[in-house]
Amino acid sequence: MDNKDSNYISSLLNDEKVLDKNEIVGLLNVVNGSEDFYSILCKADELTRSEFNNKGIIFAQIGLNAEPCSVNCKFCSMGEKHYSLDTSWRKSVEEVLVEIGDLVEKGIDDLFLMTTADYPIDEYLRIGMEVRKVLPGDVRLVANIGDFDVDVARQLKEVGFTGIYHINRLREGIDTEVNTETRLKTLAAIASENLELYYCVEPIGPEHSYEEIADEIIRARDNNVSVMAVMRRIPVKGTPLFDKGQISARELAKIGAVSRIASRPKRAMNAHEVTPMTLICGVNQLYAEYGANPRDHLSVTEKSRGYCVEDVKKLLLDAEYEV
């Protein structure tokens, strides 16, 4: 890239610049390992360190069930057409409360309760209510469930959920059996109740174009994202997209940096799965995972792919974040 091009990249990294789609794609097209590549990473890191007061944030997520899911995402180990987990189960509220007590003692900022799309909402609300009773007031409670309407959004808020993880996935309706229109209705329901939005560009694979990625970065920004993330697809044996492979950690770092710069989340930036390299590209938040995980073949991910709270804390401290 010549000096003219580098000057253009520098102009896009201006703090006051609201990037359009072509400009975001331009940043994503920067060659990995080039001088401009490191300028992008540096800018994202600088924004996070200054705007988020150098705070490292720990999220914990508990998968409440390991069961076949009718949405049949082609990258997920729990799709009913290609169920790839070693067993199936559903946690009781008593089991969940025991796990939460341990997580709170170790120190977490936000707690996510994740289910498959078919999980009964009444049961989910009941568990959420019991969890909120034992969760310290300064720990946010976040729902990661299927699509829902305004009435369910209101109920989630009433029982104590403070935010929702919800997204339009890459190639929605092609690699999944749900459409973008349904996802957008849920995003509108979240906004209607002023619930905090957690968004992610995912699951990124080698086949996805920068234009597709830019669309989701802009969607997150347009939906007033509070916590932003990028996630690379993990090939799970037995799933239809297994042979597509995965992007590199360096590519994930670049996408994470561009997402951080372009979406300007209010509270935190994440890259997933946990990749130490991304901690120099504006990422200040990591996940500890327990229970079922759609990127794993074992239904108890803390014994496999999932990081524990202690490991996440060590990584954030090693990156010189305050936790």
C-alpha atoms as a PDB file:
ATOM      1  CA  MET A   1       0.000   0.000   0.000  1.00  0.00           C
ATOM      2  CA  ASP A   2       1.464   3.404  -1.009  1.00  0.00           C
ATOM      3  CA  ASN A   3       1.545   6.572   1.074  1.00  0.00           C
ATOM      4  CA  LYS A   4      -1.656   7.860  -0.518  1.00  0.00           C
ATOM      5  CA  ASP A   5      -3.498   4.725   0.557  1.00  0.00           C
ATOM      6  CA  SER A   6      -1.935   4.868   4.030  1.00  0.00           C
ATOM      7  CA  ASN A   7      -3.049   8.475   4.403  1.00  0.00           C
ATOM      8  CA  TYR A   8      -6.568   7.365   3.500  1.00  0.00           C
ATOM      9  CA  ILE A   9      -6.474   4.641   6.169  1.00  0.00           C
ATOM     10  CA  SER A  10      -5.205   7.190   8.695  1.00  0.00           C
ATOM     11  CA  SER A  11      -8.119   9.481   7.868  1.00  0.00           C
ATOM     12  CA  LEU A  12     -10.564   6.653   8.594  1.00  0.00           C
ATOM     13  CA  LEU A  13      -9.103   6.204  12.061  1.00  0.00           C
ATOM     14  CA  ASN A  14     -10.115   9.701  13.141  1.00  0.00           C
ATOM     15  CA  ASP A  15     -12.005   9.581  16.459  1.00  0.00           C
ATOM     16  CA  GLU A  16     -14.910  11.634  15.099  1.00  0.00           C
ATOM     17  CA  LYS A  17     -15.309   9.676  11.871  1.00  0.00           C
ATOM     18  CA  VAL A  18     -18.522   7.653  11.449  1.00  0.00           C
ATOM     19  CA  LEU A  19     -17.570   5.023   8.924  1.00  0.00           C
ATOM     20  CA  ASP A  20     -19.854   3.992   6.079  1.00  0.00           C
ATOM     21  CA  LYS A  21     -19.920   0.499   4.584  1.00  0.00           C
ATOM     22  CA  ASN A  22     -17.301   1.151   1.912  1.00  0.00           C
ATOM     23  CA  GLU A  23     -14.933   2.640   4.491  1.00  0.00           C
ATOM     24  CA  ILE A  24     -15.375  -0.311   6.839  1.00  0.00           C
ATOM     25  CA  VAL A  25     -14.692  -2.705   3.965  1.00  0.00           C
ATOM     26  CA  GLY A  26     -11.613  -0.639   3.135  1.00  0.00           C
ATOM     27  CA  LEU A  27     -10.223  -1.175   6.629  1.00  0.00           C
ATOM     28  CA  LEU A  28     -11.043  -4.883   6.515  1.00  0.00           C
ATOM     29  CA  ASN A  29      -9.201  -5.198   3.211  1.00  0.00           C
ATOM     30  CA  VAL A  30      -5.935  -3.964   4.717  1.00  0.00           C
ATOM     31  CA  VAL A  31      -3.265  -6.651   4.359  1.00  0.00           C
ATOM     32  CA  ASN A  32      -2.609  -8.581   7.562  1.00  0.00           C
ATOM     33  CA  GLY A  33       0.840  -7.770   8.924  1.00  0.00           C
ATOM     34  CA  SER A  34       1.173  -4.493   7.044  1.00  0.00           C
ATOM     35  CA  GLU A  35       1.918  -1.157   8.696  1.00  0.00           C
ATOM     36  CA  ASP A  36      -1.722  -0.139   8.256  1.00  0.00           C
ATOM     37  CA  PHE A  37      -2.831  -3.411   9.857  1.00  0.00           C
ATOM     38  CA  TYR A  38      -0.951  -2.505  13.029  1.00  0.00           C
ATOM     39  CA  SER A  39      -2.259   1.065  12.875  1.00  0.00           C
ATOM     40  CA  ILE A  40      -5.802  -0.314  12.968  1.00  0.00           C
ATOM     41  CA  LEU A  41      -5.036  -2.602  15.906  1.00  0.00           C
ATOM     42  CA  CYS A  42      -3.311   0.229  17.732  1.00  0.00           C
ATOM     43  CA  LYS A  43      -6.253   2.587  17.252  1.00  0.00           C
ATOM     44  CA  ALA A  44      -8.760   0.027  18.527  1.00  0.00           C
ATOM     45  CA  ASP A  45      -6.601  -0.708  21.554  1.00  0.00           C
ATOM     46  CA  GLU A  46      -6.219   3.007  22.264  1.00  0.00           C
ATOM     47  CA  LEU A  47      -9.996   3.574  22.105  1.00  0.00           C
ATOM     48  CA  THR A  48     -10.740   0.742  24.504  1.00  0.00           C
ATOM     49  CA  ARG A  49      -8.027   1.654  27.004  1.00  0.00           C
ATOM     50  CA  SER A  50      -9.173   5.291  27.122  1.00  0.00           C
ATOM     51  CA  GLU A  51     -12.965   5.012  26.770  1.00  0.00           C
ATOM     52  CA  PHE A  52     -13.357   1.990  29.059  1.00  0.00           C
ATOM     53  CA  ASN A  53     -10.811   3.182  31.638  1.00  0.00           C
ATOM     54  CA  ASN A  54      -8.539   0.196  30.999  1.00  0.00           C
ATOM     55  CA  LYS A  55     -11.070  -2.077  32.685  1.00  0.00           C
ATOM     56  CA  GLY A  56     -11.060  -5.779  31.886  1.00  0.00           C
ATOM     57  CA  ILE A  57     -14.488  -7.397  32.062  1.00  0.00           C
ATOM     58  CA  ILE A  58     -15.363 -11.021  32.806  1.00  0.00           C
ATOM     59  CA  PHE A  59     -18.562 -12.567  31.515  1.00  0.00           C
ATOM     60  CA  ALA A  60     -19.681 -16.054  32.517  1.00  0.00           C
ATOM     61  CA  GLN A  61     -22.173 -18.036  30.465  1.00  0.00           C
ATOM     62  CA  ILE A  62     -24.069 -21.124  31.609  1.00  0.00           C
ATOM     63  CA  GLY A  63     -25.656 -23.326  28.959  1.00  0.00           C
ATOM     64  CA  LEU A  64     -28.905 -24.447  30.597  1.00  0.00           C
ATOM     65  CA  ASN A  65     -29.645 -27.303  28.222  1.00  0.00           C
ATOM     66  CA  ALA A  66     -28.023 -29.680  25.772  1.00  0.00           C
ATOM     67  CA  GLU A  67     -30.866 -30.652  23.431  1.00  0.00           C
ATOM     68  CA  PRO A  68     -31.594 -30.806  19.696  1.00  0.00           C
ATOM     69  CA  CYS A  69     -32.626 -27.388  18.330  1.00  0.00           C
ATOM     70  CA  SER A  70     -35.096 -26.883  15.475  1.00  0.00           C
ATOM     71  CA  VAL A  71     -33.313 -23.807  14.084  1.00  0.00           C
ATOM     72  CA  ASN A  72     -30.626 -26.180  12.751  1.00  0.00           C
ATOM     73  CA  CYS A  73     -27.738 -23.733  12.442  1.00  0.00           C
ATOM     74  CA  LYS A  74     -25.220 -25.539  10.236  1.00  0.00           C
ATOM     75  CA  PHE A  75     -22.322 -24.557  12.494  1.00  0.00           C
ATOM     76  CA  CYS A  76     -23.929 -25.575  15.787  1.00  0.00           C
ATOM     77  CA  SER A  77     -23.398 -28.897  17.553  1.00  0.00           C
ATOM     78  CA  MET A  78     -27.019 -28.835  18.769  1.00  0.00           C
ATOM     79  CA  GLY A  79     -28.900 -28.660  15.459  1.00  0.00           C
ATOM     80  CA  GLU A  80     -31.506 -31.434  15.529  1.00  0.00           C
ATOM     81  CA  LYS A  81     -30.592 -32.613  12.015  1.00  0.00           C
ATOM     82  CA  HIS A  82     -26.929 -33.077  12.977  1.00  0.00           C
ATOM     83  CA  TYR A  83     -26.838 -33.218  16.786  1.00  0.00           C
ATOM     84  CA  SER A  84     -23.167 -33.699  17.664  1.00  0.00           C
ATOM     85  CA  LEU A  85     -22.988 -33.445  21.450  1.00  0.00           C
ATOM     86  CA  ASP A  86     -22.084 -36.519  23.476  1.00  0.00           C
ATOM     87  CA  THR A  87     -25.381 -36.550  25.406  1.00  0.00           C
ATOM     88  CA  SER A  88     -28.485 -34.469  26.127  1.00  0.00           C
ATOM     89  CA  TRP A  89     -29.775 -32.960  29.369  1.00  0.00           C
ATOM     90  CA  ARG A  90     -31.475 -29.974  30.999  1.00  0.00           C
ATOM     91  CA  LYS A  91     -30.190 -28.310  34.194  1.00  0.00           C
ATOM     92  CA  SER A  92     -32.466 -27.883  37.196  1.00  0.00           C
ATOM     93  CA  VAL A  93     -32.761 -24.517  38.927  1.00  0.00           C
ATOM     94  CA  GLU A  94     -30.991 -26.027  41.940  1.00  0.00           C
ATOM     95  CA  GLU A  95     -27.984 -26.990  39.809  1.00  0.00           C
ATOM     96  CA  VAL A  96     -27.849 -23.528  38.276  1.00  0.00           C
ATOM     97  CA  LEU A  97     -27.930 -21.778  41.648  1.00  0.00           C
ATOM     98  CA  VAL A  98     -25.022 -23.873  42.940  1.00  0.00           C
ATOM     99  CA  GLU A  99     -22.954 -22.957  39.864  1.00  0.00           C
ATOM    100  CA  ILE A 100     -23.781 -19.280  40.227  1.00  0.00           C
ATOM    101  CA  GLY A 101     -22.673 -19.170  43.838  1.00  0.00           C
ATOM    102  CA  ASP A 102     -19.257 -20.426  42.767  1.00  0.00           C
ATOM    103  CA  LEU A 103     -18.990 -17.951  39.864  1.00  0.00           C
ATOM    104  CA  VAL A 104     -19.949 -14.971  42.013  1.00  0.00           C
ATOM    105  CA  GLU A 105     -17.326 -15.932  44.557  1.00  0.00           C
ATOM    106  CA  LYS A 106     -14.667 -15.993  41.824  1.00  0.00           C
ATOM    107  CA  GLY A 107     -15.731 -12.588  40.524  1.00  0.00           C
ATOM    108  CA  ILE A 108     -17.765 -11.898  37.376  1.00  0.00           C
ATOM    109  CA  ASP A 109     -19.298  -8.767  35.877  1.00  0.00           C
ATOM    110  CA  ASP A 110     -22.151 -10.233  33.798  1.00  0.00           C
ATOM    111  CA  LEU A 111     -23.907 -13.612  33.871  1.00  0.00           C
ATOM    112  CA  PHE A 112     -25.454 -15.090  30.727  1.00  0.00           C
ATOM    113  CA  LEU A 113     -28.049 -17.854  30.737  1.00  0.00           C
ATOM    114  CA  MET A 114     -28.048 -19.574  27.350  1.00  0.00           C
ATOM    115  CA  THR A 115     -30.562 -22.037  25.887  1.00  0.00           C
ATOM    116  CA  THR A 116     -31.483 -23.527  22.550  1.00  0.00           C
ATOM    117  CA  ALA A 117     -34.253 -21.748  20.630  1.00  0.00           C
ATOM    118  CA  ASP A 118     -36.942 -24.256  21.663  1.00  0.00           C
ATOM    119  CA  TYR A 119     -36.412 -23.977  25.417  1.00  0.00           C
ATOM    120  CA  PRO A 120     -39.748 -23.221  27.194  1.00  0.00           C
ATOM    121  CA  ILE A 121     -39.908 -19.507  27.979  1.00  0.00           C
ATOM    122  CA  ASP A 122     -41.927 -20.032  31.173  1.00  0.00           C
ATOM    123  CA  GLU A 123     -39.221 -22.307  32.546  1.00  0.00           C
ATOM    124  CA  TYR A 124     -36.545 -19.838  31.490  1.00  0.00           C
ATOM    125  CA  LEU A 125     -38.307 -16.967  33.248  1.00  0.00           C
ATOM    126  CA  ARG A 126     -38.697 -19.062  36.389  1.00  0.00           C
ATOM    127  CA  ILE A 127     -34.986 -19.854  36.477  1.00  0.00           C
ATOM    128  CA  GLY A 128     -34.111 -16.246  35.703  1.00  0.00           C
ATOM    129  CA  MET A 129     -36.203 -15.033  38.625  1.00  0.00           C
ATOM    130  CA  GLU A 130     -34.473 -17.409  41.046  1.00  0.00           C
ATOM    131  CA  VAL A 131     -31.038 -16.506  39.708  1.00  0.00           C
ATOM    132  CA  ARG A 132     -31.667 -12.783  40.111  1.00  0.00           C
ATOM    133  CA  LYS A 133     -32.523 -13.311  43.781  1.00  0.00           C
ATOM    134  CA  VAL A 134     -29.050 -14.658  44.557  1.00  0.00           C
ATOM    135  CA  LEU A 135     -27.043 -12.549  42.104  1.00  0.00           C
ATOM    136  CA  PRO A 136     -25.345  -9.442  43.552  1.00  0.00           C
ATOM    137  CA  GLY A 137     -26.956  -6.220  42.403  1.00  0.00           C
ATOM    138  CA  ASP A 138     -23.870  -5.090  40.510  1.00  0.00           C
ATOM    139  CA  VAL A 139     -23.757  -8.243  38.347  1.00  0.00           C
ATOM    140  CA  ARG A 140     -25.785  -7.888  35.160  1.00  0.00           C
ATOM    141  CA  LEU A 141     -28.085 -10.753  34.111  1.00  0.00           C
ATOM    142  CA  VAL A 142     -28.215 -11.396  30.371  1.00  0.00           C
ATOM    143  CA  ALA A 143     -30.517 -13.614  28.292  1.00  0.00           C
ATOM    144  CA  ASN A 144     -29.189 -15.615  25.339  1.00  0.00           C
ATOM    145  CA  ILE A 145     -32.254 -17.353  23.938  1.00  0.00           C
ATOM    146  CA  GLY A 146     -34.277 -17.704  20.738  1.00  0.00           C
ATOM    147  CA  ASP A 147     -36.426 -15.034  19.143  1.00  0.00           C
ATOM    148  CA  PHE A 148     -39.217 -13.357  21.102  1.00  0.00           C
ATOM    149  CA  ASP A 149     -41.766 -10.540  21.027  1.00  0.00           C
ATOM    150  CA  VAL A 150     -42.311  -7.384  23.056  1.00  0.00           C
ATOM    151  CA  ASP A 151     -44.381  -9.204  25.681  1.00  0.00           C
ATOM    152  CA  VAL A 152     -41.531 -11.636  26.416  1.00  0.00           C
ATOM    153  CA  ALA A 153     -39.026  -8.750  26.439  1.00  0.00           C
ATOM    154  CA  ARG A 154     -41.162  -7.088  29.116  1.00  0.00           C
ATOM    155  CA  GLN A 155     -41.300 -10.289  31.170  1.00  0.00           C
ATOM    156  CA  LEU A 156     -37.542 -10.756  30.917  1.00  0.00           C
ATOM    157  CA  LYS A 157     -37.045  -7.253  32.264  1.00  0.00           C
ATOM    158  CA  GLU A 158     -39.584  -7.775  35.040  1.00  0.00           C
ATOM    159  CA  VAL A 159     -37.830 -10.871  36.410  1.00  0.00           C
ATOM    160  CA  GLY A 160     -34.482  -9.081  36.466  1.00  0.00           C
ATOM    161  CA  PHE A 161     -32.697  -9.477  33.127  1.00  0.00           C
ATOM    162  CA  THR A 162     -30.770  -6.331  32.284  1.00  0.00           C
ATOM    163  CA  GLY A 163     -29.691  -7.176  28.747  1.00  0.00           C
ATOM    164  CA  ILE A 164     -30.012  -9.530  25.802  1.00  0.00           C
ATOM    165  CA  TYR A 165     -27.474 -11.201  23.528  1.00  0.00           C
ATOM    166  CA  HIS A 166     -29.149 -11.278  20.134  1.00  0.00           C
ATOM    167  CA  ILE A 167     -27.897 -11.012  16.574  1.00  0.00           C
ATOM    168  CA  ASN A 168     -28.555 -11.526  12.911  1.00  0.00           C
ATOM    169  CA  ARG A 169     -26.047 -14.228  12.047  1.00  0.00           C
ATOM    170  CA  LEU A 170     -23.959 -14.252   8.918  1.00  0.00           C
ATOM    171  CA  ARG A 171     -25.945 -15.910   6.111  1.00  0.00           C
ATOM    172  CA  GLU A 172     -29.071 -16.058   8.212  1.00  0.00           C
ATOM    173  CA  GLY A 173     -31.707 -18.146   6.456  1.00  0.00           C
ATOM    174  CA  ILE A 174     -29.023 -19.965   4.451  1.00  0.00           C
ATOM    175  CA  ASP A 175     -26.912 -21.504   7.190  1.00  0.00           C
ATOM    176  CA  THR A 176     -29.842 -21.343   9.632  1.00  0.00           C
ATOM    177  CA  GLU A 177     -33.569 -22.017   9.498  1.00  0.00           C
ATOM    178  CA  VAL A 178     -34.630 -18.573  10.702  1.00  0.00           C
ATOM    179  CA  ASN A 179     -34.760 -15.387   8.648  1.00  0.00           C
ATOM    180  CA  THR A 180     -33.395 -11.899   9.139  1.00  0.00           C
ATOM    181  CA  GLU A 181     -36.893 -10.421   9.483  1.00  0.00           C
ATOM    182  CA  THR A 182     -37.483 -12.549  12.590  1.00  0.00           C
ATOM    183  CA  ARG A 183     -34.155 -11.493  14.083  1.00  0.00           C
ATOM    184  CA  LEU A 184     -34.933  -7.826  13.471  1.00  0.00           C
ATOM    185  CA  LYS A 185     -38.312  -8.098  15.210  1.00  0.00           C
ATOM    186  CA  THR A 186     -36.526  -9.428  18.280  1.00  0.00           C
ATOM    187  CA  LEU A 187     -33.999  -6.589  18.151  1.00  0.00           C
ATOM    188  CA  ALA A 188     -36.921  -4.162  18.041  1.00  0.00           C
ATOM    189  CA  ALA A 189     -38.499  -5.882  21.065  1.00  0.00           C
ATOM    190  CA  ILE A 190     -35.222  -5.512  22.979  1.00  0.00           C
ATOM    191  CA  ALA A 191     -35.078  -1.809  22.175  1.00  0.00           C
ATOM    192  CA  SER A 192     -38.713  -1.301  23.153  1.00  0.00           C
ATOM    193  CA  GLU A 193     -37.912  -2.318  26.739  1.00  0.00           C
ATOM    194  CA  ASN A 194     -34.581  -0.460  26.871  1.00  0.00           C
ATOM    195  CA  LEU A 195     -32.678  -3.665  27.520  1.00  0.00           C
ATOM    196  CA  GLU A 196     -28.922  -3.521  26.985  1.00  0.00           C
ATOM    197  CA  LEU A 197     -27.929  -5.029  23.633  1.00  0.00           C
ATOM    198  CA  TYR A 198     -24.992  -7.442  23.303  1.00  0.00           C
ATOM    199  CA  TYR A 199     -24.185  -8.004  19.609  1.00  0.00           C
ATOM    200  CA  CYS A 200     -21.677 -10.111  17.701  1.00  0.00           C
ATOM    201  CA  VAL A 201     -20.563 -10.580  14.108  1.00  0.00           C
ATOM    202  CA  GLU A 202     -20.630 -14.349  13.894  1.00  0.00           C
ATOM    203  CA  PRO A 203     -19.835 -17.059  13.116  1.00  0.00           C
ATOM    204  CA  ILE A 204     -17.137 -15.777  10.770  1.00  0.00           C
ATOM    205  CA  GLY A 205     -15.697 -18.328   8.342  1.00  0.00           C
ATOM    206  CA  PRO A 206     -13.250 -18.101   5.428  1.00  0.00           C
ATOM    207  CA  GLU A 207     -16.161 -17.919   2.968  1.00  0.00           C
ATOM    208  CA  HIS A 208     -17.696 -14.746   4.385  1.00  0.00           C
ATOM    209  CA  SER A 209     -17.025 -11.520   2.508  1.00  0.00           C
ATOM    210  CA  TYR A 210     -15.968  -8.272   4.123  1.00  0.00           C
ATOM    211  CA  GLU A 211     -19.188  -6.761   2.770  1.00  0.00           C
ATOM    212  CA  GLU A 212     -21.234  -9.259   4.802  1.00  0.00           C
ATOM    213  CA  ILE A 213     -19.164  -8.540   7.885  1.00  0.00           C
ATOM    214  CA  ALA A 214     -19.518  -4.777   7.407  1.00  0.00           C
ATOM    215  CA  ASP A 215     -23.312  -5.109   7.207  1.00  0.00           C
ATOM    216  CA  GLU A 216     -23.426  -6.659  10.680  1.00  0.00           C
ATOM    217  CA  ILE A 217     -21.007  -4.117  12.150  1.00  0.00           C
ATOM    218  CA  ILE A 218     -23.316  -1.369  10.922  1.00  0.00           C
ATOM    219  CA  ARG A 219     -26.393  -3.212  12.187  1.00  0.00           C
ATOM    220  CA  ALA A 220     -24.850  -3.370  15.651  1.00  0.00           C
ATOM    221  CA  ARG A 221     -24.089   0.360  15.579  1.00  0.00           C
ATOM    222  CA  ASP A 222     -27.553   1.211  14.296  1.00  0.00           C
ATOM    223  CA  ASN A 223     -29.079  -0.800  17.144  1.00  0.00           C
ATOM    224  CA  ASN A 224     -27.221   1.172  19.806  1.00  0.00           C
ATOM    225  CA  VAL A 225     -24.892  -1.665  20.789  1.00  0.00           C
ATOM    226  CA  SER A 226     -23.573  -1.653  24.343  1.00  0.00           C
ATOM    227  CA  VAL A 227     -21.260  -4.682  24.194  1.00  0.00           C
ATOM    228  CA  MET A 228     -19.831  -5.647  20.796  1.00  0.00           C
ATOM    229  CA  ALA A 229     -18.083  -8.848  19.736  1.00  0.00           C
ATOM    230  CA  VAL A 230     -16.703 -10.805  16.827  1.00  0.00           C
ATOM    231  CA  MET A 231     -16.525 -14.596  16.753  1.00  0.00           C
ATOM    232  CA  ARG A 232     -14.820 -16.964  14.370  1.00  0.00           C
ATOM    233  CA  ARG A 233     -16.585 -20.184  13.489  1.00  0.00           C
ATOM    234  CA  ILE A 234     -15.128 -23.242  15.179  1.00  0.00           C
ATOM    235  CA  PRO A 235     -15.443 -26.320  12.952  1.00  0.00           C
ATOM    236  CA  VAL A 236     -17.356 -28.949  14.941  1.00  0.00           C
ATOM    237  CA  LYS A 237     -17.092 -32.452  13.540  1.00  0.00           C
ATOM    238  CA  GLY A 238     -20.473 -33.688  12.412  1.00  0.00           C
ATOM    239  CA  THR A 239     -21.867 -30.261  11.533  1.00  0.00           C
ATOM    240  CA  PRO A 240     -22.552 -29.320   7.880  1.00  0.00           C
ATOM    241  CA  LEU A 241     -19.985 -26.486   7.833  1.00  0.00           C
ATOM    242  CA  PHE A 242     -17.168 -28.510   9.371  1.00  0.00           C
ATOM    243  CA  ASP A 243     -15.210 -28.717   6.106  1.00  0.00           C
ATOM    244  CA  LYS A 244     -15.308 -24.944   5.540  1.00  0.00           C
ATOM    245  CA  GLY A 245     -12.491 -24.461   8.067  1.00  0.00           C
ATOM    246  CA  GLN A 246     -11.799 -21.363  10.147  1.00  0.00           C
ATOM    247  CA  ILE A 247     -10.124 -17.974   9.907  1.00  0.00           C
ATOM    248  CA  SER A 248      -6.806 -17.276  11.639  1.00  0.00           C
ATOM    249  CA  ALA A 249      -6.392 -15.573  14.993  1.00  0.00           C
ATOM    250  CA  ARG A 250      -4.678 -12.672  13.224  1.00  0.00           C
ATOM    251  CA  GLU A 251      -7.624 -12.237  10.860  1.00  0.00           C
ATOM    252  CA  LEU A 252      -9.977 -12.317  13.845  1.00  0.00           C
ATOM    253  CA  ALA A 253      -7.877  -9.627  15.521  1.00  0.00           C
ATOM    254  CA  LYS A 254      -8.200  -7.357  12.478  1.00  0.00           C
ATOM    255  CA  ILE A 255     -11.941  -7.874  12.215  1.00  0.00           C
ATOM    256  CA  GLY A 256     -12.242  -7.252  15.938  1.00  0.00           C
ATOM    257  CA  ALA A 257     -10.274  -4.023  15.702  1.00  0.00           C
ATOM    258  CA  VAL A 258     -12.316  -2.714  12.779  1.00  0.00           C
ATOM    259  CA  SER A 259     -15.546  -3.668  14.571  1.00  0.00           C
ATOM    260  CA  ARG A 260     -14.389  -1.827  17.691  1.00  0.00           C
ATOM    261  CA  ILE A 261     -13.543   1.301  15.714  1.00  0.00           C
ATOM    262  CA  ALA A 262     -16.671   1.312  13.542  1.00  0.00           C
ATOM    263  CA  SER A 263     -19.388   0.222  15.987  1.00  0.00           C
ATOM    264  CA  ARG A 264     -18.174   2.223  19.031  1.00  0.00           C
ATOM    265  CA  PRO A 265     -19.788   0.072  21.738  1.00  0.00           C
ATOM    266  CA  LYS A 266     -20.590   1.782  25.032  1.00  0.00           C
ATOM    267  CA  ARG A 267     -19.084  -0.647  27.543  1.00  0.00           C
ATOM    268  CA  ALA A 268     -16.979  -3.484  26.192  1.00  0.00           C
ATOM    269  CA  MET A 269     -15.492  -5.288  23.191  1.00  0.00           C
ATOM    270  CA  ASN A 270     -15.071  -9.042  22.911  1.00  0.00           C
ATOM    271  CA  ALA A 271     -13.519 -11.548  20.504  1.00  0.00           C
ATOM    272  CA  HIS A 272     -14.410 -15.219  20.727  1.00  0.00           C
ATOM    273  CA  GLU A 273     -13.436 -17.903  21.286  1.00  0.00           C
ATOM    274  CA  VAL A 274     -10.793 -16.693  23.742  1.00  0.00           C
ATOM    275  CA  THR A 275      -7.767 -15.738  21.641  1.00  0.00           C
ATOM    276  CA  PRO A 276      -4.905 -13.975  23.478  1.00  0.00           C
ATOM    277  CA  MET A 277      -3.816 -12.206  20.282  1.00  0.00           C
ATOM    278  CA  THR A 278      -7.049 -10.189  20.202  1.00  0.00           C
ATOM    279  CA  LEU A 279      -6.244  -8.531  23.530  1.00  0.00           C
ATOM    280  CA  ILE A 280      -4.115  -5.998  21.648  1.00  0.00           C
ATOM    281  CA  CYS A 281      -6.883  -5.009  19.235  1.00  0.00           C
ATOM    282  CA  GLY A 282      -9.380  -3.337  21.539  1.00  0.00           C
ATOM    283  CA  VAL A 283     -10.781  -6.432  23.250  1.00  0.00           C
ATOM    284  CA  ASN A 284     -11.278  -5.922  26.991  1.00  0.00           C
ATOM    285  CA  GLN A 285     -13.880  -8.602  27.728  1.00  0.00           C
ATOM    286  CA  LEU A 286     -13.677 -12.405  27.706  1.00  0.00           C
ATOM    287  CA  TYR A 287     -16.096 -15.251  28.380  1.00  0.00           C
ATOM    288  CA  ALA A 288     -15.864 -18.094  30.851  1.00  0.00           C
ATOM    289  CA  GLU A 289     -18.186 -20.865  29.645  1.00  0.00           C
ATOM    290  CA  TYR A 290     -19.990 -23.626  31.493  1.00  0.00           C
ATOM    291  CA  GLY A 291     -22.514 -26.264  30.428  1.00  0.00           C
ATOM    292  CA  ALA A 292     -23.479 -26.741  26.794  1.00  0.00           C
ATOM    293  CA  ASN A 293     -21.601 -24.850  24.082  1.00  0.00           C
ATOM    294  CA  PRO A 294     -22.607 -24.844  20.377  1.00  0.00           C
ATOM    295  CA  ARG A 295     -18.897 -24.935  19.396  1.00  0.00           C
ATOM    296  CA  ASP A 296     -18.096 -28.082  21.354  1.00  0.00           C
ATOM    297  CA  HIS A 297     -18.744 -31.808  21.014  1.00  0.00           C
ATOM    298  CA  LEU A 298     -18.780 -32.303  24.792  1.00  0.00           C
ATOM    299  CA  SER A 299     -21.880 -31.072  26.629  1.00  0.00           C
ATOM    300  CA  VAL A 300     -19.822 -29.940  29.633  1.00  0.00           C
ATOM    301  CA  THR A 301     -17.653 -27.377  27.892  1.00  0.00           C
ATOM    302  CA  GLU A 302     -15.720 -26.383  31.032  1.00  0.00           C
ATOM    303  CA  LYS A 303     -14.019 -29.767  30.685  1.00  0.00           C
ATOM    304  CA  SER A 304     -13.217 -29.123  27.041  1.00  0.00           C
ATOM    305  CA  ARG A 305     -13.174 -25.846  25.033  1.00  0.00           C
ATOM    306  CA  GLY A 306     -14.539 -23.498  27.681  1.00  0.00           C
ATOM    307  CA  TYR A 307     -12.263 -21.252  29.730  1.00  0.00           C
ATOM    308  CA  CYS A 308     -12.906 -20.872  33.458  1.00  0.00           C
ATOM    309  CA  VAL A 309     -13.130 -17.539  35.327  1.00  0.00           C
ATOM    310  CA  GLU A 310      -9.610 -17.919  36.732  1.00  0.00           C
ATOM    311  CA  ASP A 311      -8.099 -18.404  33.258  1.00  0.00           C
ATOM    312  CA  VAL A 312      -9.977 -15.436  31.820  1.00  0.00           C
ATOM    313  CA  LYS A 313      -8.846 -13.226  34.688  1.00  0.00           C
ATOM    314  CA  LYS A 314      -5.215 -14.222  34.165  1.00  0.00           C
ATOM    315  CA  LEU A 315      -5.392 -13.359  30.474  1.00  0.00           C
ATOM    316  CA  LEU A 316      -6.901  -9.934  31.107  1.00  0.00           C
ATOM    317  CA  LEU A 317      -4.316  -9.144  33.775  1.00  0.00           C
ATOM    318  CA  ASP A 318      -1.518 -10.316  31.498  1.00  0.00           C
ATOM    319  CA  ALA A 319      -2.818  -7.869  28.892  1.00  0.00           C
ATOM    320  CA  GLU A 320      -2.482  -5.139  31.528  1.00  0.00           C
ATOM    321  CA  TYR A 321      -6.183  -4.622  32.078  1.00  0.00           C
ATOM    322  CA  GLU A 322      -7.526  -3.919  35.552  1.00  0.00           C
ATOM    323  CA  VAL A 323      -9.958  -6.552  36.832  1.00  0.00           C
END
